[in-house]
C-alpha atoms as a PDB file:
ATOM      1  CA  MET A   1      94.336 125.763 226.033  1.00  0.00           C
ATOM      2  CA  PRO A   2      94.118 124.496 223.216  1.00  0.00           C
ATOM      3  CA  SER A   3      95.267 126.199 220.024  1.00  0.00           C
ATOM      4  CA  LYS A   4      92.444 127.813 218.396  1.00  0.00           C
ATOM      5  CA  GLN A   5      90.707 127.006 215.191  1.00  0.00           C
ATOM      6  CA  PHE A   6      88.385 129.589 214.247  1.00  0.00           C
ATOM      7  CA  ASP A   7      89.418 133.513 215.093  1.00  0.00           C
ATOM      8  CA  LEU A   8      85.327 134.500 214.796  1.00  0.00           C
ATOM      9  CA  ILE A   9      82.447 132.360 215.925  1.00  0.00           C
ATOM     10  CA  VAL A  10      78.613 133.578 214.216  1.00  0.00           C
ATOM     11  CA  PHE A  11      75.863 132.933 215.816  1.00  0.00           C
ATOM     12  CA  ASP A  12      72.012 132.874 214.681  1.00  0.00           C
ATOM     13  CA  TRP A  13      69.999 133.967 217.201  1.00  0.00           C
ATOM     14  CA  ASP A  14      65.960 132.599 217.421  1.00  0.00           C
ATOM     15  CA  GLY A  15      66.663 128.723 217.981  1.00  0.00           C
ATOM     16  CA  THR A  16      70.352 128.405 218.397  1.00  0.00           C
ATOM     17  CA  LEU A  17      70.640 130.749 221.398  1.00  0.00           C
ATOM     18  CA  PHE A  18      67.250 132.190 222.158  1.00  0.00           C
ATOM     19  CA  ASP A  19      64.410 130.145 223.083  1.00  0.00           C
ATOM     20  CA  SER A  20      62.087 131.521 220.957  1.00  0.00           C
ATOM     21  CA  THR A  21      61.300 129.094 217.581  1.00  0.00           C
ATOM     22  CA  ALA A  22      57.401 127.668 219.194  1.00  0.00           C
ATOM     23  CA  LEU A  23      56.560 131.469 219.894  1.00  0.00           C
ATOM     24  CA  ILE A  24      57.749 132.385 216.315  1.00  0.00           C
ATOM     25  CA  THR A  25      55.684 129.393 214.676  1.00  0.00           C
ATOM     26  CA  HIS A  26      52.627 130.622 216.583  1.00  0.00           C
ATOM     27  CA  CYS A  27      52.907 134.574 215.916  1.00  0.00           C
ATOM     28  CA  ILE A  28      53.163 133.500 212.021  1.00  0.00           C
ATOM     29  CA  GLN A  29      50.307 131.191 212.106  1.00  0.00           C
ATOM     30  CA  ALA A  30      47.966 133.680 214.521  1.00  0.00           C
ATOM     31  CA  SER A  31      48.902 136.833 212.085  1.00  0.00           C
ATOM     32  CA  ALA A  32      47.395 134.490 208.768  1.00  0.00           C
ATOM     33  CA  VAL A  33      44.812 134.597 210.507  1.00  0.00           C
ATOM     34  CA  ASP A  34      44.247 137.382 211.484  1.00  0.00           C
ATOM     35  CA  LEU A  35      43.885 138.390 207.880  1.00  0.00           C
ATOM     36  CA  GLY A  36      41.676 135.662 207.166  1.00  0.00           C
ATOM     37  CA  LEU A  37      44.526 133.987 205.447  1.00  0.00           C
ATOM     38  CA  PRO A  38      44.283 129.273 205.839  1.00  0.00           C
ATOM     39  CA  LYS A  39      46.421 129.091 209.028  1.00  0.00           C
ATOM     40  CA  PRO A  40      49.479 127.616 207.924  1.00  0.00           C
ATOM     41  CA  SER A  41      51.464 124.718 209.296  1.00  0.00           C
ATOM     42  CA  ALA A  42      53.802 124.244 212.231  1.00  0.00           C
ATOM     43  CA  GLU A  43      56.285 122.669 209.495  1.00  0.00           C
ATOM     44  CA  ALA A  44      55.791 125.420 207.112  1.00  0.00           C
ATOM     45  CA  ALA A  45      55.609 128.437 209.899  1.00  0.00           C
ATOM     46  CA  SER A  46      58.751 126.400 211.238  1.00  0.00           C
ATOM     47  CA  TYR A  47      60.485 126.572 208.134  1.00  0.00           C
ATOM     48  CA  VAL A  48      60.398 130.266 207.410  1.00  0.00           C
ATOM     49  CA  ILE A  49      62.600 131.193 210.887  1.00  0.00           C
ATOM     50  CA  GLY A  50      66.155 132.711 210.268  1.00  0.00           C
ATOM     51  CA  LEU A  51      65.176 133.755 206.994  1.00  0.00           C
ATOM     52  CA  GLY A  52      64.030 138.149 206.359  1.00  0.00           C
ATOM     53  CA  LEU A  53      60.335 139.438 206.252  1.00  0.00           C
ATOM     54  CA  ARG A  54      59.751 138.703 202.189  1.00  0.00           C
ATOM     55  CA  ASP A  55      60.722 135.799 202.132  1.00  0.00           C
ATOM     56  CA  ALA A  56      59.199 134.761 204.968  1.00  0.00           C
ATOM     57  CA  LEU A  57      55.816 135.712 204.015  1.00  0.00           C
ATOM     58  CA  ALA A  58      56.321 134.069 200.438  1.00  0.00           C
ATOM     59  CA  HIS A  59      56.734 130.825 201.475  1.00  0.00           C
ATOM     60  CA  ALA A  60      54.393 130.680 205.317  1.00  0.00           C
ATOM     61  CA  VAL A  61      51.713 132.341 203.858  1.00  0.00           C
ATOM     62  CA  PRO A  62      51.660 132.041 199.710  1.00  0.00           C
ATOM     63  CA  GLU A  63      48.400 133.626 199.421  1.00  0.00           C
ATOM     64  CA  LEU A  64      48.895 136.780 200.666  1.00  0.00           C
ATOM     65  CA  PRO A  65      49.741 140.079 198.148  1.00  0.00           C
ATOM     66  CA  VAL A  66      53.002 141.088 198.491  1.00  0.00           C
ATOM     67  CA  ASP A  67      50.964 145.351 199.416  1.00  0.00           C
ATOM     68  CA  ARG A  68      49.658 142.826 202.848  1.00  0.00           C
ATOM     69  CA  TYR A  69      52.764 142.486 203.742  1.00  0.00           C
ATOM     70  CA  ALA A  70      53.173 145.182 205.811  1.00  0.00           C
ATOM     71  CA  GLU A  71      50.113 144.460 207.360  1.00  0.00           C
ATOM     72  CA  MET A  72      51.062 140.610 208.096  1.00  0.00           C
ATOM     73  CA  GLY A  73      54.528 142.112 209.853  1.00  0.00           C
ATOM     74  CA  VAL A  74      52.120 143.768 212.119  1.00  0.00           C
ATOM     75  CA  ARG A  75      50.344 140.988 213.427  1.00  0.00           C
ATOM     76  CA  PHE A  76      53.240 139.322 213.757  1.00  0.00           C
ATOM     77  CA  ARG A  77      54.344 142.100 216.104  1.00  0.00           C
ATOM     78  CA  HIS A  78      51.571 142.011 218.307  1.00  0.00           C
ATOM     79  CA  HIS A  79      51.366 138.472 218.907  1.00  0.00           C
ATOM     80  CA  TYR A  80      55.078 138.090 219.976  1.00  0.00           C
ATOM     81  CA  LEU A  81      55.457 141.253 222.049  1.00  0.00           C
ATOM     82  CA  ALA A  82      52.150 139.759 223.972  1.00  0.00           C
ATOM     83  CA  ALA A  83      54.439 136.806 224.290  1.00  0.00           C
ATOM     84  CA  GLU A  84      57.947 138.444 224.495  1.00  0.00           C
ATOM     85  CA  ASP A  85      58.979 138.614 228.329  1.00  0.00           C
ATOM     86  CA  GLN A  86      58.344 134.732 228.723  1.00  0.00           C
ATOM     87  CA  LEU A  87      61.371 134.160 226.375  1.00  0.00           C
ATOM     88  CA  THR A  88      64.600 132.983 227.324  1.00  0.00           C
ATOM     89  CA  LEU A  89      68.217 132.720 226.696  1.00  0.00           C
ATOM     90  CA  PHE A  90      68.802 128.735 226.192  1.00  0.00           C
ATOM     91  CA  GLU A  91      69.903 126.958 229.605  1.00  0.00           C
ATOM     92  CA  GLY A  92      73.790 127.306 229.649  1.00  0.00           C
ATOM     93  CA  THR A  93      73.998 129.567 226.236  1.00  0.00           C
ATOM     94  CA  LEU A  94      75.688 132.943 228.821  1.00  0.00           C
ATOM     95  CA  GLU A  95      78.057 130.776 230.339  1.00  0.00           C
ATOM     96  CA  MET A  96      79.236 129.234 226.954  1.00  0.00           C
ATOM     97  CA  LEU A  97      79.177 132.406 225.446  1.00  0.00           C
ATOM     98  CA  ALA A  98      81.497 133.887 228.368  1.00  0.00           C
ATOM     99  CA  GLY A  99      83.748 130.866 227.840  1.00  0.00           C
ATOM    100  CA  LEU A 100      84.618 131.944 224.429  1.00  0.00           C
ATOM    101  CA  LYS A 101      85.141 135.305 224.812  1.00  0.00           C
ATOM    102  CA  ALA A 102      87.936 134.285 228.002  1.00  0.00           C
ATOM    103  CA  ARG A 103      89.746 132.015 224.835  1.00  0.00           C
ATOM    104  CA  GLN A 104      89.776 135.387 222.830  1.00  0.00           C
ATOM    105  CA  HIS A 105      87.168 134.300 219.728  1.00  0.00           C
ATOM    106  CA  ARG A 106      85.202 137.039 217.624  1.00  0.00           C
ATOM    107  CA  LEU A 107      81.491 136.331 218.605  1.00  0.00           C
ATOM    108  CA  ALA A 108      78.488 137.949 216.870  1.00  0.00           C
ATOM    109  CA  VAL A 109      75.003 137.569 215.484  1.00  0.00           C
ATOM    110  CA  ALA A 110      73.443 136.834 211.726  1.00  0.00           C
ATOM    111  CA  THR A 111      70.139 136.892 212.529  1.00  0.00           C
ATOM    112  CA  GLY A 112      66.704 137.067 210.525  1.00  0.00           C
ATOM    113  CA  LYS A 113      65.287 138.879 212.907  1.00  0.00           C
ATOM    114  CA  SER A 114      64.984 143.170 211.916  1.00  0.00           C
ATOM    115  CA  ARG A 115      67.553 145.655 213.829  1.00  0.00           C
ATOM    116  CA  LEU A 116      65.057 146.325 216.337  1.00  0.00           C
ATOM    117  CA  GLY A 117      63.930 143.553 217.356  1.00  0.00           C
ATOM    118  CA  LEU A 118      67.505 142.403 217.387  1.00  0.00           C
ATOM    119  CA  ASP A 119      68.318 145.353 220.099  1.00  0.00           C
ATOM    120  CA  ALA A 120      65.478 144.626 222.544  1.00  0.00           C
ATOM    121  CA  SER A 121      66.585 140.846 223.494  1.00  0.00           C
ATOM    122  CA  LEU A 122      69.780 141.480 223.245  1.00  0.00           C
ATOM    123  CA  GLN A 123      69.185 144.639 226.035  1.00  0.00           C
ATOM    124  CA  ALA A 124      66.693 142.441 227.913  1.00  0.00           C
ATOM    125  CA  VAL A 125      68.823 139.736 228.398  1.00  0.00           C
ATOM    126  CA  GLU A 126      71.494 141.547 229.007  1.00  0.00           C
ATOM    127  CA  LEU A 127      74.520 141.165 226.165  1.00  0.00           C
ATOM    128  CA  GLN A 128      75.634 144.063 225.416  1.00  0.00           C
ATOM    129  CA  GLY A 129      78.537 143.936 224.487  1.00  0.00           C
ATOM    130  CA  ILE A 130      79.007 140.545 224.631  1.00  0.00           C
ATOM    131  CA  PHE A 131      79.272 140.498 220.379  1.00  0.00           C
ATOM    132  CA  ASP A 132      82.159 142.280 218.427  1.00  0.00           C
ATOM    133  CA  SER A 133      79.061 142.618 215.197  1.00  0.00           C
ATOM    134  CA  THR A 134      75.740 141.683 214.498  1.00  0.00           C
ATOM    135  CA  ARG A 135      73.790 141.685 211.375  1.00  0.00           C
ATOM    136  CA  THR A 136      69.635 141.820 210.457  1.00  0.00           C
ATOM    137  CA  ALA A 137      67.682 140.462 207.803  1.00  0.00           C
ATOM    138  CA  ASP A 138      66.803 144.330 206.998  1.00  0.00           C
ATOM    139  CA  GLU A 139      69.699 145.901 206.903  1.00  0.00           C
ATOM    140  CA  THR A 140      71.475 143.153 204.848  1.00  0.00           C
ATOM    141  CA  SER A 141      70.694 140.272 201.760  1.00  0.00           C
ATOM    142  CA  SER A 142      68.386 137.646 203.990  1.00  0.00           C
ATOM    143  CA  LYS A 143      69.357 134.102 204.603  1.00  0.00           C
ATOM    144  CA  PRO A 144      70.733 132.139 202.944  1.00  0.00           C
ATOM    145  CA  HIS A 145      72.227 134.912 200.641  1.00  0.00           C
ATOM    146  CA  PRO A 146      75.957 135.151 202.144  1.00  0.00           C
ATOM    147  CA  GLN A 147      76.035 139.323 202.423  1.00  0.00           C
ATOM    148  CA  MET A 148      75.680 138.851 206.432  1.00  0.00           C
ATOM    149  CA  LEU A 149      78.213 137.173 206.976  1.00  0.00           C
ATOM    150  CA  LEU A 150      80.511 138.466 204.303  1.00  0.00           C
ATOM    151  CA  GLU A 151      79.823 141.249 206.316  1.00  0.00           C
ATOM    152  CA  LEU A 152      80.934 140.674 209.510  1.00  0.00           C
ATOM    153  CA  MET A 153      84.109 138.358 208.476  1.00  0.00           C
ATOM    154  CA  ASP A 154      85.499 141.881 206.295  1.00  0.00           C
ATOM    155  CA  GLU A 155      84.116 144.010 209.392  1.00  0.00           C
ATOM    156  CA  LEU A 156      85.930 142.148 211.884  1.00  0.00           C
ATOM    157  CA  GLY A 157      89.198 141.384 209.280  1.00  0.00           C
ATOM    158  CA  VAL A 158      88.647 137.923 209.337  1.00  0.00           C
ATOM    159  CA  ALA A 159      89.291 135.176 206.377  1.00  0.00           C
ATOM    160  CA  PRO A 160      86.418 132.619 206.415  1.00  0.00           C
ATOM    161  CA  GLN A 161      88.860 129.428 206.677  1.00  0.00           C
ATOM    162  CA  ARG A 162      89.159 130.804 210.553  1.00  0.00           C
ATOM    163  CA  THR A 163      84.947 131.493 210.586  1.00  0.00           C
ATOM    164  CA  LEU A 164      82.285 129.142 212.328  1.00  0.00           C
ATOM    165  CA  MET A 165      78.840 129.626 211.701  1.00  0.00           C
ATOM    166  CA  ILE A 166      76.043 128.277 214.154  1.00  0.00           C
ATOM    167  CA  GLY A 167      72.475 128.024 212.968  1.00  0.00           C
ATOM    168  CA  ASP A 168      69.602 126.296 213.678  1.00  0.00           C
ATOM    169  CA  THR A 169      68.327 125.958 210.210  1.00  0.00           C
ATOM    170  CA  THR A 170      69.067 124.800 206.443  1.00  0.00           C
ATOM    171  CA  HIS A 171      69.313 128.821 205.671  1.00  0.00           C
ATOM    172  CA  ASP A 172      71.882 129.173 208.696  1.00  0.00           C
ATOM    173  CA  LEU A 173      74.014 125.988 207.767  1.00  0.00           C
ATOM    174  CA  GLN A 174      73.383 127.064 203.540  1.00  0.00           C
ATOM    175  CA  LEU A 175      74.302 130.671 204.387  1.00  0.00           C
ATOM    176  CA  ALA A 176      78.053 128.731 205.152  1.00  0.00           C
ATOM    177  CA  LEU A 177      78.362 126.900 202.413  1.00  0.00           C
ATOM    178  CA  ASN A 178      77.762 130.395 200.640  1.00  0.00           C
ATOM    179  CA  ALA A 179      80.487 132.699 202.260  1.00  0.00           C
ATOM    180  CA  GLY A 180      82.474 129.800 202.312  1.00  0.00           C
ATOM    181  CA  THR A 181      82.848 128.836 205.917  1.00  0.00           C
ATOM    182  CA  ALA A 182      82.495 126.085 208.226  1.00  0.00           C
ATOM    183  CA  SER A 183      79.184 125.103 209.915  1.00  0.00           C
ATOM    184  CA  ILE A 184      77.358 123.668 213.051  1.00  0.00           C
ATOM    185  CA  GLY A 185      74.312 123.073 213.465  1.00  0.00           C
ATOM    186  CA  VAL A 186      71.852 122.702 216.303  1.00  0.00           C
ATOM    187  CA  GLY A 187      69.490 119.529 216.569  1.00  0.00           C
ATOM    188  CA  TYR A 188      67.099 121.571 218.795  1.00  0.00           C
ATOM    189  CA  GLY A 189      66.083 124.482 216.786  1.00  0.00           C
ATOM    190  CA  ALA A 190      63.007 125.128 213.925  1.00  0.00           C
ATOM    191  CA  HIS A 191      64.799 122.596 211.490  1.00  0.00           C
ATOM    192  CA  GLU A 192      64.976 118.750 211.459  1.00  0.00           C
ATOM    193  CA  HIS A 193      68.550 117.867 212.233  1.00  0.00           C
ATOM    194  CA  SER A 194      67.754 115.404 209.821  1.00  0.00           C
ATOM    195  CA  ASN A 195      67.703 117.815 206.533  1.00  0.00           C
ATOM    196  CA  PHE A 196      71.605 118.726 208.268  1.00  0.00           C
ATOM    197  CA  ALA A 197      74.192 116.222 206.684  1.00  0.00           C
ATOM    198  CA  ALA A 198      73.563 118.233 202.726  1.00  0.00           C
ATOM    199  CA  PHE A 199      75.409 120.575 203.917  1.00  0.00           C
ATOM    200  CA  LYS A 200      78.565 119.037 206.536  1.00  0.00           C
ATOM    201  CA  PRO A 201      77.970 120.868 209.173  1.00  0.00           C
ATOM    202  CA  LEU A 202      81.261 119.996 211.032  1.00  0.00           C
ATOM    203  CA  HIS A 203      79.066 118.480 213.934  1.00  0.00           C
ATOM    204  CA  ILE A 204      75.470 118.258 214.935  1.00  0.00           C
ATOM    205  CA  ALA A 205      75.059 119.721 218.298  1.00  0.00           C
ATOM    206  CA  GLN A 206      71.563 118.548 220.386  1.00  0.00           C
ATOM    207  CA  SER A 207      72.102 120.838 223.808  1.00  0.00           C
ATOM    208  CA  VAL A 208      73.708 124.193 224.858  1.00  0.00           C
ATOM    209  CA  SER A 209      76.297 121.758 226.872  1.00  0.00           C
ATOM    210  CA  GLU A 210      76.845 119.460 223.541  1.00  0.00           C
ATOM    211  CA  LEU A 211      77.633 122.405 221.393  1.00  0.00           C
ATOM    212  CA  HIS A 212      79.840 124.554 224.334  1.00  0.00           C
ATOM    213  CA  ALA A 213      81.942 121.260 225.238  1.00  0.00           C
ATOM    214  CA  TRP A 214      82.173 120.453 221.588  1.00  0.00           C
ATOM    215  CA  LEU A 215      83.854 124.747 220.278  1.00  0.00           C
ATOM    216  CA  VAL A 216      86.150 124.089 223.971  1.00  0.00           C
ATOM    217  CA  GLU A 217      87.324 121.325 222.289  1.00  0.00           C
ATOM    218  CA  TYR A 218      87.862 121.705 218.731  1.00  0.00           C
ATOM    219  CA  ALA A 219      87.049 125.117 218.073  1.00  0.00           C
END
């Protein structure tokens, strides 16, 4: 077995491990329409995936007053929960995570989801115990602020040079840069991978199987 380059591997959730990009985009659009706002474009709605609620709404629905953010959140949850049971992990994700655990990597999640939302997803896909720690946007600063990644490294006792961040958006890759860690982009999620180069990821994977193969060989 090759020696490990990284002790801690941190994953984004939506669009990286969980196949939820299309649903989240639809829910943002439907919620805006519910509130009588212009329907955001698919590009604008998918761009904010991974951000915390306030940052996401400021970009996707700039017409919405701050005092109606909670109302938008209620409508989003209504649409999301109505279809959440149709969502699954990307094919090959469980095998990839189990393989990394067997190699003694520490595993974590850094996500723009709420704590309640992430915990429900982890329970639904039977991933309890796989991750050594997790951080959500409602308990620390939203991406790309480095706080959630810095907190994970501090909690697990891993230095930035031994940490790898993996995500499907430029927010994830900027998070890694801001925290001083290496990163990998995945090209099957919310953002166009043609925008990733400026953030200097070590690799851009076009599938979970390709990501798994890269991690086995180089992580």
